[in-house]
C-alpha cells in the first residue's frame, strides 16, 4: 500500500460502512473515526482507508484520535473533514501543490464554500493572523502532521460538539498554533463545498451559546477576552436581539469565563528537557495532558523553588515526575495548602545506585522522604509496582502504576506499507542473512552495571570467535563502573551521551537492539528501537515487556549474566527476526501517551483536594 500524501481525517457518527467516502468524494487516503457503540479497526486496502469505530464521544476527541491513527499510517499532510463536506475531484492536487509552493508552511487554510460564506476570506495567498483565524471553518484546515505532533498541538477536548463547551475548537487550534510559532498560510482556493445538514451544535442564540462563546474566547486569549466578547455582542446583535438582551449576552460570556477558570488544573513538576529517559517520558506526558496543565519552566534551583511555591496554589493536584530534592519542598508546600500530590517513580534510586556501585545515602534519604510525603506513588509499570510494594511495604497502600506510554512522534511507523518488516532469514541461495555481513548491535545505558552491557560484549566475543560473525557493538549512554571493561573490546563503539537526532540515526542503522538489564522499571529504548526497524532482545527484568504482546521465549534473556544464553538468542534473532511480529501486536492507540494522560487525569480527579 502506497499512502497518498494527503490524508482526510473524517469524524462521523453511527456509520454502517465506508460508503460515506463516495458521498463526500474522498478518493485518496483517509482515516474515519466513527463514534458509535462498538470498538474496532478495519483497514480497507482498496480505498486506502482506516475505519475506526469507537465508543468515545466528542468531535475534538475524535479528531485527536484521527491524528494519532494517521501517524501509524505514515501520513504526511492531513485535512479535517465533516460529514457535510463534498470535495472537488482534484482536491488532493490542489492541497499538495499549495504545500509545495509553501514548503515552510506548517498549516494551510483553504476555502470551503458554504451558506454563510460564498467567497474566500482573502483574495490572494497570505499569512493568517489571529483576527481572521476566528473566521475559519475546521474542514478548511490542512496541516503537516509532523509539525503539529512535534509541538503537541491538538484539539482542546473541552471544546467542540459533544464537549462541555460546544464550539470554537478550530479557532482555539489555530490560536494555539500561532502561539507556538507555527506558520499558517491562507490559500483562497476552493477545495470543497458543503451539503445541507442539520447542525449538531448550533441551537440558536441561547444563554448556553454565549456561555460557550465566552469560555472559548478566554481560552483563545486571556488578554483580548473582553474586547472579543464586546465586539461579538455588538456585531451579532441583529441576529440575537429577539432571543436575548445585549447585557444578558455579555453576562453569559463572562459566566463562561468563570466556569472555564474552575476547570480542574494540574501542575507537573520535573525535568522534561535534558533528554534522559525520565525527562523524555515527562515531556511526552506533558504534551498529552490538557492544555491548562501547568508545567515547570524555570531554570536554576532558586527560580524553580519559587515557581513551585507560586504555581502550587493554582493547581488542584501536583504531579512530581522523577527524582529531585526539590520535590520535597513541593510536596510540603502542597500539603500545607491541602493539595494532593502524586510521585511518579521512573526508578528506584536507592537500589539502582547500589547495584550500579555508586551508593548515595543522600539520594536514598530524599527518595524515602518523597515516598513518605506523596499522597500517591505511581510506578511506571505493573512489574515495578509489585517490586515497590515488596521492598517498601510501609507505603504499599498508596502505590499504584501509570505505565509509560509510547511516543508515536519519535519515529513514524508505517507498518501497513511494510516499511518495517522482519529480517530476511536468508538469500536466494539459502545462505543465512548474517553470514559474511557486518552486523550492528546496539544497547543503551553506557557503563551502568545494572544494564549488563559487559555481558553482551562477552556474548559477541563468543560469536565472533566461534561463529565468525562480524558484529559491532554500539553503546550509548553515560559512563559508569563497567565502562573500562566494555571499552576494552576492539569491536565496541562507545558513543557516550547522544542527542535525539543522533540517537535516532543509531537506532535506524542497527539490526539488533538488546536491553540486558538486571533491573529495568520500564525501558523506553526497546520501543524506540522497534519503531526504528530493529529486532529486539530483552531481559526478563524489563517492565516494557508488559506492552509488547508479540514476545516469544527466544526474545527473552532469562539470565542476564550468561554470555552463552545471550549469544544463542542473538543467533536465533539474526536468523528469524522479530520486528514485524512484535510491532504488529503493539496497540499504538492503547499504549500512546494520550491514553496515559487520560489515566493520570482520572487518578487525579479522584483525589480530594
Protein backbone atom coordinates (compact mmCIF):
# COMPACT_ATOMS: atom_id res chain seq x y z
CA UNK A 1 0.00 0.00 0.00
CA UNK A 2 1.44 3.33 -1.08
CA UNK A 3 -0.13 6.10 1.00
CA UNK A 4 -1.25 9.30 -0.59
CA UNK A 5 0.46 12.40 0.70
CA UNK A 6 -2.93 13.89 1.63
CA UNK A 7 -4.96 12.07 4.27
CA UNK A 8 -8.52 13.16 5.05
CA UNK A 9 -9.47 12.91 8.74
CA UNK A 10 -13.23 12.39 8.98
CA UNK A 11 -15.20 12.48 12.23
CA UNK A 12 -18.68 10.98 11.96
CA UNK A 13 -21.33 9.14 13.95
CA UNK A 14 -23.11 5.80 13.53
CA UNK A 15 -21.85 4.79 10.11
CA UNK A 16 -22.70 1.34 8.79
CA UNK A 17 -19.75 1.23 6.38
CA UNK A 18 -17.34 3.46 4.46
CA UNK A 19 -19.77 4.37 1.68
CA UNK A 20 -19.66 7.94 3.01
CA UNK A 21 -16.36 8.25 1.12
CA UNK A 22 -18.33 8.22 -2.13
CA UNK A 23 -20.82 10.78 -0.81
CA UNK A 24 -18.02 13.16 0.17
CA UNK A 25 -15.98 12.40 -2.98
CA UNK A 26 -12.91 11.29 -0.96
CA UNK A 27 -10.65 9.48 -3.41
CA UNK A 28 -7.34 9.36 -1.54
CA UNK A 29 -6.10 8.19 1.83
CA UNK A 30 -8.42 8.67 4.80
CA UNK A 31 -8.99 7.92 8.47
CA UNK A 32 -12.62 7.66 9.54
CA UNK A 33 -13.46 7.89 13.24
CA UNK A 34 -16.99 6.58 13.70
CA UNK A 35 -18.48 7.42 17.09
CA UNK A 36 -20.84 4.51 17.74
CA UNK A 37 -21.45 1.66 20.18
CA UNK A 38 -18.57 -0.56 19.01
CA UNK A 39 -14.79 -0.74 19.24
CA UNK A 40 -12.94 -1.96 16.15
CA UNK A 41 -10.33 -1.16 13.49
CA UNK A 42 -10.57 -2.10 9.84
CA UNK A 43 -8.06 -1.36 7.11
CA UNK A 44 -9.81 -1.16 3.73
CA UNK A 45 -6.97 -1.61 1.26
CA UNK A 46 -8.85 -0.78 -1.93
CA UNK A 47 -9.90 2.60 -0.51
CA UNK A 48 -6.73 3.43 1.43
CA UNK A 49 -8.96 3.90 4.46
CA UNK A 50 -8.51 3.15 8.15
CA UNK A 51 -12.06 2.74 9.52
CA UNK A 52 -12.12 3.10 13.30
CA UNK A 53 -15.22 2.51 15.42
CA UNK A 54 -15.14 3.93 18.94
CA UNK A 55 -17.47 4.36 21.90
CA UNK A 56 -15.79 7.62 22.82
CA UNK A 57 -17.71 10.81 22.16
CA UNK A 58 -16.77 14.36 21.23
CA UNK A 59 -15.70 15.98 17.97
CA UNK A 60 -12.36 17.20 19.29
CA UNK A 61 -11.64 13.86 20.93
CA UNK A 62 -12.34 12.02 17.66
CA UNK A 63 -10.14 14.42 15.68
CA UNK A 64 -7.28 13.88 18.11
CA UNK A 65 -7.76 10.16 17.72
CA UNK A 66 -7.72 10.56 13.93
CA UNK A 67 -4.39 12.42 14.11
CA UNK A 68 -2.86 9.67 16.25
CA UNK A 69 -4.07 6.99 13.84
CA UNK A 70 -2.75 8.98 10.88
CA UNK A 71 0.71 8.81 12.44
CA UNK A 72 0.61 5.00 12.29
CA UNK A 73 -0.10 5.21 8.56
CA UNK A 74 2.90 7.43 7.90
CA UNK A 75 0.62 10.31 6.84
CA UNK A 76 2.27 13.50 5.64
CA UNK A 77 -0.40 16.16 5.04
CA UNK A 78 -3.78 15.89 6.74
CA UNK A 79 -7.03 17.83 6.42
CA UNK A 80 -10.01 17.77 8.80
CA UNK A 81 -13.38 16.78 7.37
CA UNK A 82 -17.05 16.82 8.42
CA UNK A 83 -19.84 14.68 7.03
CA UNK A 84 -21.36 17.60 5.10
CA UNK A 85 -18.24 18.38 3.05
CA UNK A 86 -18.04 17.37 -0.63
CA UNK A 87 -14.58 17.63 -2.20
CA UNK A 88 -13.80 18.71 -5.73
CA UNK A 89 -12.33 15.96 -7.90
CA UNK A 90 -8.77 17.26 -7.80
CA UNK A 91 -8.68 18.27 -4.11
CA UNK A 92 -5.52 16.23 -3.47
CA UNK A 93 -3.60 18.02 -6.20
CA UNK A 94 -4.78 21.45 -5.02
CA UNK A 95 -3.67 20.71 -1.47
CA UNK A 96 -0.34 19.14 -2.48
CA UNK A 97 0.50 22.00 -4.85
CA UNK A 98 -0.19 24.59 -2.16
CA UNK A 99 2.15 22.89 0.29
CA UNK A 100 4.78 22.53 -2.45
CA UNK A 101 4.55 26.27 -3.11
CA UNK A 102 4.88 26.97 0.61
CA UNK A 103 7.48 24.48 1.90
CA UNK A 104 7.86 26.38 5.18
CA UNK A 105 4.12 26.41 5.93
CA UNK A 106 3.03 24.15 8.78
CA UNK A 107 -0.70 24.78 8.30
CA UNK A 108 -2.56 25.92 5.19
CA UNK A 109 -6.16 27.09 5.39
CA UNK A 110 -8.20 26.62 2.20
CA UNK A 111 -11.65 27.85 1.18
CA UNK A 112 -14.78 25.72 1.52
CA UNK A 113 -17.92 27.29 0.12
CA UNK A 114 -20.90 27.16 2.48
CA UNK A 115 -24.19 29.03 3.04
CA UNK A 116 -22.65 31.63 5.35
CA UNK A 117 -19.53 32.20 3.21
CA UNK A 118 -19.59 32.27 -0.60
CA UNK A 119 -16.14 33.74 -1.17
CA UNK A 120 -12.69 33.36 0.43
CA UNK A 121 -11.59 35.44 3.42
CA UNK A 122 -8.74 36.84 1.28
CA UNK A 123 -8.32 37.10 -2.48
CA UNK A 124 -4.65 36.07 -2.51
CA UNK A 125 -2.27 33.87 -0.52
CA UNK A 126 -1.08 35.47 2.69
CA UNK A 127 -0.23 34.61 6.30
CA UNK A 128 -3.24 34.07 8.56
CA UNK A 129 -3.43 36.31 11.63
CA UNK A 130 -5.34 35.94 14.89
CA UNK A 131 -8.26 38.11 13.82
CA UNK A 132 -9.02 36.18 10.66
CA UNK A 133 -8.37 32.83 12.34
CA UNK A 134 -11.76 33.32 14.00
CA UNK A 135 -13.47 33.15 10.58
CA UNK A 136 -12.19 29.67 9.73
CA UNK A 137 -14.28 26.52 9.40
CA UNK A 138 -12.45 23.42 10.70
CA UNK A 139 -12.56 21.36 7.43
CA UNK A 140 -10.66 24.22 5.77
CA UNK A 141 -7.60 23.40 7.91
CA UNK A 142 -4.83 21.27 6.36
CA UNK A 143 -1.52 20.67 8.11
CA UNK A 144 1.77 18.85 8.09
CA UNK A 145 1.19 16.12 10.64
CA UNK A 146 4.79 16.05 11.80
CA UNK A 147 4.77 19.80 12.55
CA UNK A 148 1.58 19.57 14.58
CA UNK A 149 2.59 16.46 16.52
CA UNK A 150 6.11 17.74 17.16
CA UNK A 151 4.83 20.52 19.42
CA UNK A 152 1.95 18.54 20.90
CA UNK A 153 -0.71 20.60 19.10
CA UNK A 154 -4.15 19.05 19.30
CA UNK A 155 -7.81 19.93 19.60
CA UNK A 156 -8.80 21.03 23.10
CA UNK A 157 -11.26 18.34 24.14
CA UNK A 158 -13.20 20.72 26.40
CA UNK A 159 -14.45 22.45 23.23
CA UNK A 160 -16.42 21.37 20.19
CA UNK A 161 -19.57 19.36 19.50
CA UNK A 162 -20.16 16.79 22.22
CA UNK A 163 -17.87 18.58 24.71
CA UNK A 164 -18.71 20.81 27.66
CA UNK A 165 -18.23 23.96 25.59
CA UNK A 166 -19.79 23.10 22.26
CA UNK A 167 -17.96 25.39 19.84
CA UNK A 168 -14.73 27.20 18.95
CA UNK A 169 -12.35 24.23 18.78
CA UNK A 170 -10.93 25.13 15.35
CA UNK A 171 -10.27 28.75 16.34
CA UNK A 172 -8.52 27.60 19.51
CA UNK A 173 -6.46 25.15 17.43
CA UNK A 174 -5.26 27.97 15.15
CA UNK A 175 -4.60 30.37 18.05
CA UNK A 176 -2.51 27.67 19.75
CA UNK A 177 -0.60 27.05 16.52
CA UNK A 178 0.25 30.74 16.20
CA UNK A 179 1.24 30.99 19.85
CA UNK A 180 3.64 28.07 19.43
CA UNK A 181 5.34 29.51 16.38
CA UNK A 182 3.78 27.51 13.55
CA UNK A 183 3.45 29.25 10.22
CA UNK A 184 -0.13 29.43 8.89
CA UNK A 185 -0.88 30.42 5.29
CA UNK A 186 -4.29 31.22 3.82
CA UNK A 187 -4.78 29.92 0.27
CA UNK A 188 -8.03 31.17 -1.34
CA UNK A 189 -8.56 28.06 -3.44
CA UNK A 190 -11.86 26.21 -3.14
CA UNK A 191 -11.26 22.58 -2.20
CA UNK A 192 -14.85 21.66 -1.35
CA UNK A 193 -18.40 22.77 -0.78
CA UNK A 194 -21.00 21.69 1.75
CA UNK A 195 -24.36 19.97 1.53
CA UNK A 196 -27.28 20.90 3.72
CA UNK A 197 -27.02 19.15 7.07
CA UNK A 198 -28.58 19.79 10.46
CA UNK A 199 -26.13 21.41 12.85
CA UNK A 200 -25.09 19.24 15.77
CA UNK A 201 -24.16 22.21 17.94
CA UNK A 202 -25.98 25.40 16.95
CA UNK A 203 -29.39 25.54 18.66
CA UNK A 204 -29.88 29.27 18.47
CA UNK A 205 -28.54 32.30 20.32
CA UNK A 206 -29.27 30.97 23.79
CA UNK A 207 -27.58 31.74 27.08
CA UNK A 208 -25.67 28.47 26.70
CA UNK A 209 -24.41 29.61 23.29
CA UNK A 210 -22.95 32.79 24.78
CA UNK A 211 -21.54 30.91 27.79
CA UNK A 212 -19.69 28.60 25.40
CA UNK A 213 -18.53 31.53 23.32
CA UNK A 214 -17.15 33.31 26.39
CA UNK A 215 -15.26 30.23 27.56
CA UNK A 216 -13.81 29.86 24.06
CA UNK A 217 -12.71 33.48 23.85
CA UNK A 218 -10.96 33.24 27.22
CA UNK A 219 -9.28 30.00 26.13
CA UNK A 220 -8.05 31.73 22.97
CA UNK A 221 -6.67 34.81 24.70
CA UNK A 222 -6.78 35.95 28.31
CA UNK A 223 -5.62 39.42 27.31
CA UNK A 224 -8.12 40.01 24.48
CA UNK A 225 -11.02 38.22 26.15
CA UNK A 226 -13.10 41.32 26.96
CA UNK A 227 -12.63 43.05 23.55
CA UNK A 228 -13.53 39.78 21.80
CA UNK A 229 -16.71 39.43 23.84
CA UNK A 230 -17.80 43.02 23.28
CA UNK A 231 -17.12 43.04 19.54
CA UNK A 232 -19.10 39.80 19.11
CA UNK A 233 -22.02 41.11 21.17
CA UNK A 234 -22.13 44.32 19.12
CA UNK A 235 -21.51 42.76 15.70
CA UNK A 236 -24.09 39.97 16.07
CA UNK A 237 -26.76 41.98 17.90
CA UNK A 238 -29.12 41.97 14.94
CA UNK A 239 -29.10 38.17 14.91
CA UNK A 240 -29.78 37.52 18.59
CA UNK A 241 -31.77 40.56 19.78
CA UNK A 242 -35.08 38.64 19.64
CA UNK A 243 -33.65 35.83 21.78
CA UNK A 244 -31.57 37.52 24.46
CA UNK A 245 -30.64 41.06 25.52
CA UNK A 246 -27.23 42.62 24.96
CA UNK A 247 -26.47 42.72 28.69
CA UNK A 248 -27.50 39.11 29.23
CA UNK A 249 -25.40 38.00 26.25
CA UNK A 250 -22.31 39.73 27.68
CA UNK A 251 -23.09 38.43 31.16
CA UNK A 252 -23.34 34.86 29.82
CA UNK A 253 -19.93 35.20 28.16
CA UNK A 254 -18.48 36.36 31.48
CA UNK A 255 -20.06 33.35 33.13
CA UNK A 256 -18.37 31.11 30.56
CA UNK A 257 -15.00 32.55 31.55
CA UNK A 258 -15.69 31.91 35.24
CA UNK A 259 -16.75 28.33 34.53
CA UNK A 260 -13.63 27.70 32.46
CA UNK A 261 -11.44 29.04 35.27
CA UNK A 262 -12.99 26.44 37.58
CA UNK A 263 -11.94 23.54 35.33
CA UNK A 264 -9.51 21.19 37.07
CA UNK A 265 -5.89 22.16 36.59
CA UNK A 266 -2.80 20.12 37.39
CA UNK A 267 0.84 21.10 37.87
CA UNK A 268 3.55 18.75 36.58
CA UNK A 269 6.90 19.23 38.28
CA UNK A 270 10.00 17.62 36.83
CA UNK A 271 12.77 17.72 34.24
CA UNK A 272 11.38 17.46 30.70
CA UNK A 273 14.23 18.99 28.72
CA UNK A 274 17.55 17.20 29.31
CA UNK A 275 16.92 14.16 27.10
CA UNK A 276 17.29 11.49 29.79
CA UNK A 277 14.81 8.61 29.84
CA UNK A 278 12.69 10.09 32.67
CA UNK A 279 12.88 13.57 31.09
CA UNK A 280 11.67 12.21 27.73
CA UNK A 281 8.81 10.41 29.46
CA UNK A 282 7.83 13.56 31.36
CA UNK A 283 7.98 15.62 28.15
CA UNK A 284 5.73 13.15 26.33
CA UNK A 285 3.27 13.12 29.22
CA UNK A 286 3.14 16.94 29.29
CA UNK A 287 2.39 17.06 25.54
CA UNK A 288 -0.55 14.72 26.05
CA UNK A 289 -2.05 16.47 29.09
CA UNK A 290 -4.93 19.00 28.91
CA UNK A 291 -3.95 22.47 27.72
CA UNK A 292 -4.49 24.15 31.08
CA UNK A 293 -1.85 21.94 32.71
CA UNK A 294 0.86 23.93 34.47
CA UNK A 295 4.48 22.90 33.92
CA UNK A 296 7.85 23.80 35.36
CA UNK A 297 9.67 26.28 33.12
CA UNK A 298 12.32 28.00 35.21
CA UNK A 299 15.97 27.00 35.40
CA UNK A 300 18.19 27.29 38.42
CA UNK A 301 17.37 25.98 41.88
CA UNK A 302 16.15 29.27 43.37
CA UNK A 303 13.82 30.14 40.49
CA UNK A 304 12.48 26.59 40.29
CA UNK A 305 11.74 26.57 44.01
CA UNK A 306 9.90 29.90 43.72
CA UNK A 307 7.96 28.63 40.72
CA UNK A 308 6.85 25.53 42.62
CA UNK A 309 5.56 27.62 45.52
CA UNK A 310 3.73 30.10 43.27
CA UNK A 311 2.10 27.60 40.91
CA UNK A 312 1.13 25.10 43.59
CA UNK A 313 -1.62 27.40 44.82
CA UNK A 314 -3.18 27.49 41.34
CA UNK A 315 -3.42 23.72 40.93
CA UNK A 316 -5.93 21.09 42.02
CA UNK A 317 -3.16 18.49 42.29
CA UNK A 318 0.62 18.29 41.84
CA UNK A 319 2.46 15.60 39.89
CA UNK A 320 6.16 15.12 40.62
CA UNK A 321 7.80 13.18 37.80
CA UNK A 322 11.20 11.73 38.62
CA UNK A 323 13.68 12.07 41.49
CA UNK A 324 14.61 15.59 42.63
CA UNK A 325 15.37 17.04 46.02
CA UNK A 326 13.10 19.97 45.18
CA UNK A 327 10.17 17.57 45.11
CA UNK A 328 10.32 17.55 48.91
CA UNK A 329 9.76 21.30 49.01
CA UNK A 330 6.89 20.99 46.54
CA UNK A 331 5.20 18.15 48.39
CA UNK A 332 5.43 20.01 51.70
CA UNK A 333 4.02 23.15 50.05
CA UNK A 334 1.16 21.12 48.57
CA UNK A 335 0.39 19.51 51.92
CA UNK A 336 0.36 22.91 53.63
CA UNK A 337 -2.33 24.10 51.21
CA UNK A 338 -4.27 20.83 51.33
CA UNK A 339 -3.40 19.98 47.71
CA UNK A 340 -2.86 16.28 46.89
CA UNK A 341 0.45 15.21 45.34
CA UNK A 342 1.48 12.28 43.17
CA UNK A 343 5.02 10.98 42.81
CA UNK A 344 5.76 9.21 39.51
CA UNK A 345 8.75 6.91 40.14
CA UNK A 346 10.74 6.20 37.00
CA UNK A 347 13.27 4.21 39.01
CA UNK A 348 14.35 3.12 42.46
CA UNK A 349 17.30 5.41 43.09
CA UNK A 350 18.46 3.77 46.32
CA UNK A 351 18.52 0.27 44.82
CA UNK A 352 19.80 1.25 41.38
CA UNK A 353 22.69 3.27 42.81
CA UNK A 354 23.65 0.28 44.91
CA UNK A 355 23.72 -2.20 42.02
CA UNK A 356 25.48 0.39 39.84
CA UNK A 357 28.16 0.52 42.56
CA UNK A 358 27.64 4.23 43.23
CA UNK A 359 25.68 4.27 46.53
CA UNK A 360 24.46 7.70 47.63
CA UNK A 361 22.91 7.94 51.08
CA UNK A 362 21.67 11.49 50.45
CA UNK A 363 19.71 10.49 47.33
CA UNK A 364 18.35 7.42 49.11
CA UNK A 365 17.18 9.54 52.04
CA UNK A 366 15.49 12.02 49.70
CA UNK A 367 13.73 9.21 47.84
CA UNK A 368 12.30 7.78 51.05
CA UNK A 369 11.16 11.25 52.13
CA UNK A 370 9.34 11.77 48.81
CA UNK A 371 7.63 8.39 49.13
CA UNK A 372 6.56 9.35 52.64
CA UNK A 373 5.18 12.79 51.68
CA UNK A 374 3.36 11.88 48.44
CA UNK A 375 -0.34 11.05 48.64
CA UNK A 376 0.04 8.55 45.79
CA UNK A 377 3.06 6.80 44.33
CA UNK A 378 2.83 5.67 40.71
CA UNK A 379 5.33 3.19 39.30
CA UNK A 380 5.96 3.26 35.54
CA UNK A 381 4.98 -0.40 35.08
CA UNK A 382 2.98 -3.06 36.93
CA UNK A 383 6.21 -5.04 37.43
CA UNK A 384 7.84 -2.08 39.14
CA UNK A 385 4.68 -1.51 41.20
CA UNK A 386 4.93 -5.07 42.56
CA UNK A 387 8.64 -4.58 43.30
CA UNK A 388 7.98 -1.35 45.21
CA UNK A 389 5.22 -2.92 47.29
CA UNK A 390 7.50 -5.82 48.21
CA UNK A 391 10.50 -3.63 49.06
CA UNK A 392 8.63 -0.71 50.65
CA UNK A 393 5.67 -2.43 52.37
CA UNK A 394 5.05 0.59 54.60
CA UNK A 395 3.87 2.51 51.51
CA UNK A 396 2.15 -0.38 49.71
CA UNK A 397 -1.31 1.07 50.43
CA UNK A 398 -0.65 4.13 48.26
CA UNK A 399 1.44 2.56 45.47
CA UNK A 400 -0.13 2.05 42.05
CA UNK A 401 1.13 2.36 38.50
CA UNK A 402 0.94 4.60 35.44
CA UNK A 403 2.64 2.59 32.72
CA UNK A 404 4.87 4.64 30.44
CA UNK A 405 3.41 5.37 27.04
CA UNK A 406 4.71 5.03 23.51
CA UNK A 407 5.71 8.30 21.86
CA UNK A 408 4.30 7.96 18.35
CA UNK A 409 6.23 11.03 17.25
CA UNK A 410 9.74 9.83 17.99
CA UNK A 411 9.55 7.67 14.86
CA UNK A 412 6.93 7.44 12.17
CA UNK A 413 5.50 3.95 11.88
CA UNK A 414 4.07 2.74 8.59
CA UNK A 415 3.68 -0.95 9.25
CA UNK A 416 0.77 -1.24 6.82
CA UNK A 417 3.08 -0.17 3.99
CA UNK A 418 5.63 -2.77 5.00
CA UNK A 419 8.29 -0.16 5.74
CA UNK A 420 9.07 -2.02 8.94
CA UNK A 421 9.48 -5.72 8.16
CA UNK A 422 11.08 -8.75 9.74
CA UNK A 423 14.68 -9.52 8.82
CA UNK A 424 15.04 -12.00 5.98
CA UNK A 425 16.05 -15.50 7.05
CA UNK A 426 18.26 -15.98 4.01
CA UNK A 427 19.04 -15.02 0.45
CA UNK A 428 18.06 -16.85 -2.74
CA UNK A 429 20.85 -19.38 -2.28
CA UNK A 430 19.62 -20.27 1.20
CA UNK A 431 22.59 -18.71 2.97
CA UNK A 432 21.60 -17.11 6.33
CA UNK A 433 21.46 -13.33 6.00
CA UNK A 434 24.01 -12.76 8.79
CA UNK A 435 26.88 -14.72 7.22
CA UNK A 436 29.82 -12.64 5.90
CA UNK A 437 27.99 -9.40 6.61
CA UNK A 438 28.76 -6.73 9.23
CA UNK A 439 26.08 -6.61 11.93
CA UNK A 440 25.37 -3.54 14.03
CA UNK A 441 24.14 -4.32 17.53
CA UNK A 442 23.00 -1.55 19.86
CA UNK A 443 22.49 -1.24 23.61
CA UNK A 444 21.90 1.82 25.79
CA UNK A 445 22.89 2.51 29.35
CA UNK A 446 26.58 3.24 28.95
CA UNK A 447 28.70 1.72 31.68
CA UNK A 448 25.98 1.26 34.30
CA UNK A 449 26.43 -2.24 35.78
CA UNK A 450 22.67 -2.89 36.01
CA UNK A 451 22.48 -2.75 32.21
CA UNK A 452 24.91 -5.70 31.92
CA UNK A 453 26.31 -4.47 28.60
CA UNK A 454 29.60 -6.09 29.57
CA UNK A 455 27.83 -9.46 29.32
CA UNK A 456 26.58 -8.56 25.83
CA UNK A 457 30.19 -7.89 24.88
CA UNK A 458 31.25 -11.30 26.22
CA UNK A 459 28.48 -12.92 24.15
CA UNK A 460 29.56 -11.07 21.00
CA UNK A 461 33.17 -12.15 21.59
CA UNK A 462 31.96 -15.78 21.58
CA UNK A 463 30.04 -15.25 18.35
CA UNK A 464 32.98 -13.57 16.64
CA UNK A 465 35.42 -16.29 17.68
CA UNK A 466 33.26 -19.41 17.30
CA UNK A 467 30.87 -18.44 14.51
CA UNK A 468 32.94 -15.88 12.63
CA UNK A 469 30.23 -13.23 12.88
CA UNK A 470 31.30 -9.65 12.19
CA UNK A 471 29.32 -7.93 14.95
CA UNK A 472 29.96 -4.36 16.02
CA UNK A 473 28.54 -3.38 19.42
CA UNK A 474 27.32 0.21 19.69
CA UNK A 475 26.90 1.57 23.21
CA UNK A 476 25.14 4.82 24.09
CA UNK A 477 24.80 6.41 27.49
CA UNK A 478 26.65 7.81 30.45
CA UNK A 479 29.96 6.34 31.62
CA UNK A 480 29.84 4.04 34.61
CA UNK A 481 31.66 1.38 36.61
CA UNK A 482 31.63 -1.05 33.65
CA UNK A 483 32.82 1.43 31.02
CA UNK A 484 36.53 0.45 31.08
CA UNK A 485 35.68 -3.23 30.65
CA UNK A 486 33.21 -2.51 27.82
CA UNK A 487 35.62 -0.21 26.00
CA UNK A 488 38.41 -2.80 26.19
CA UNK A 489 36.78 -4.80 23.36
CA UNK A 490 38.00 -3.70 19.93
CA UNK A 491 34.58 -4.34 18.37
CA UNK A 492 32.85 -1.80 20.66
CA UNK A 493 31.99 1.75 19.62
CA UNK A 494 31.13 3.78 22.71
CA UNK A 495 29.13 6.83 21.62
CA UNK A 496 28.56 8.31 25.06
CA UNK A 497 25.52 10.52 25.53
CA UNK A 498 23.77 11.32 22.22
CA UNK A 499 21.14 13.89 21.31
CA UNK A 500 17.77 12.75 19.95
CA UNK A 501 18.72 13.08 16.27
CA UNK A 502 21.96 11.14 16.63
CA UNK A 503 20.23 8.51 18.75
CA UNK A 504 17.55 8.10 16.14
CA UNK A 505 20.14 7.63 13.42
CA UNK A 506 21.90 4.99 15.51
CA UNK A 507 18.64 3.09 16.03
CA UNK A 508 17.94 3.16 12.31
CA UNK A 509 21.44 1.90 11.39
CA UNK A 510 21.34 -1.04 13.82
CA UNK A 511 20.00 -4.52 13.11
CA UNK A 512 19.52 -5.65 16.71
CA UNK A 513 18.81 -3.83 19.95
CA UNK A 514 19.45 -5.56 23.28
CA UNK A 515 18.26 -4.45 26.73
CA UNK A 516 20.01 -6.86 29.12
CA UNK A 517 19.20 -5.11 32.40
CA UNK A 518 19.01 -6.96 35.69
CA UNK A 519 16.62 -4.24 36.89
CA UNK A 520 14.59 -2.08 34.47
CA UNK A 521 11.43 -0.40 35.74
CA UNK A 522 10.15 0.12 32.17
CA UNK A 523 12.63 0.91 29.41
CA UNK A 524 11.52 3.20 26.56
CA UNK A 525 14.54 2.37 24.40
CA UNK A 526 13.29 -1.05 23.17
CA UNK A 527 10.08 0.54 21.85
CA UNK A 528 12.05 3.28 20.11
CA UNK A 529 14.27 0.60 18.60
CA UNK A 530 11.23 -1.32 17.37
CA UNK A 531 9.75 1.76 15.75
CA UNK A 532 13.07 2.41 14.03
CA UNK A 533 13.07 -1.08 12.50
CA UNK A 534 15.33 -3.03 14.87
CA UNK A 535 14.82 -6.58 16.04
CA UNK A 536 14.96 -6.61 19.83
CA UNK A 537 16.09 -8.89 22.66
CA UNK A 538 15.09 -8.13 26.26
CA UNK A 539 15.94 -9.46 29.66
CA UNK A 540 13.07 -10.75 31.74
CA UNK A 541 13.55 -7.81 34.12
CA UNK A 542 12.33 -5.17 31.63
CA UNK A 543 8.96 -3.68 32.55
CA UNK A 544 8.31 -2.72 28.92
CA UNK A 545 7.55 -6.39 28.21
CA UNK A 546 4.04 -5.78 29.54
CA UNK A 547 3.01 -3.73 26.48
CA UNK A 548 4.71 -5.98 23.91
CA UNK A 549 2.28 -8.77 23.23
CA UNK A 550 4.25 -10.47 20.46
CA UNK A 551 7.26 -11.60 22.54
CA UNK A 552 8.35 -15.25 22.49
CA UNK A 553 10.85 -17.19 24.61
CA UNK A 554 13.61 -16.63 22.05
CA UNK A 555 13.21 -12.86 22.52
CA UNK A 556 13.78 -13.01 26.30
CA UNK A 557 17.08 -13.42 28.15
CA UNK A 558 16.39 -15.35 31.35
CA UNK A 559 19.87 -14.95 32.82
CA UNK A 560 21.43 -11.54 32.01
CA UNK A 561 24.77 -12.81 33.40
CA UNK A 562 25.02 -15.69 30.90
CA UNK A 563 27.03 -14.77 27.76
CA UNK A 564 26.18 -18.19 26.33
CA UNK A 565 22.42 -17.59 26.54
CA UNK A 566 22.79 -14.09 25.12
CA UNK A 567 24.87 -15.41 22.21
CA UNK A 568 22.27 -18.08 21.48
CA UNK A 569 19.45 -15.51 21.45
CA UNK A 570 21.42 -13.24 19.10
CA UNK A 571 21.94 -16.10 16.60
CA UNK A 572 18.24 -17.01 16.65
CA UNK A 573 17.11 -13.42 16.13
CA UNK A 574 19.58 -12.97 13.27
CA UNK A 575 18.03 -15.98 11.55
CA UNK A 576 14.35 -15.28 12.16
CA UNK A 577 13.90 -11.61 13.11
CA UNK A 578 11.08 -10.39 15.32
CA UNK A 579 10.44 -6.73 14.49
CA UNK A 580 7.30 -7.19 12.41
CA UNK A 581 5.92 -9.86 14.73
CA UNK A 582 6.23 -7.71 17.84
CA UNK A 583 5.30 -4.43 16.22
CA UNK A 584 2.12 -5.88 14.71
CA UNK A 585 0.82 -6.69 18.20
CA UNK A 586 1.64 -3.28 19.67
CA UNK A 587 -1.66 -1.45 20.20
CA UNK A 588 -0.49 2.06 19.46
CA UNK A 589 -3.81 3.63 20.42
CA UNK A 590 -3.96 1.98 23.84
CA UNK A 591 -0.26 2.43 24.62
CA UNK A 592 0.11 6.04 23.44
CA UNK A 593 0.83 8.87 25.87
CA UNK A 594 -2.62 10.36 25.32
CA UNK A 595 -4.12 7.28 26.98
CA UNK A 596 -1.66 7.61 29.86
CA UNK A 597 -2.61 11.26 30.30
CA UNK A 598 -6.27 10.27 30.49
CA UNK A 599 -5.44 7.66 33.13
CA UNK A 600 -3.45 10.18 35.15
CA UNK A 601 -6.25 12.76 34.98
CA UNK A 602 -8.71 10.13 36.20
CA UNK A 603 -6.43 9.30 39.15
CA UNK A 604 -6.00 12.98 39.99
CA UNK A 605 -9.72 13.77 39.70
CA UNK A 606 -10.47 11.08 42.27
CA UNK A 607 -8.06 12.57 44.79
CA UNK A 608 -9.65 15.00 47.21
CA UNK A 609 -8.17 18.47 47.46
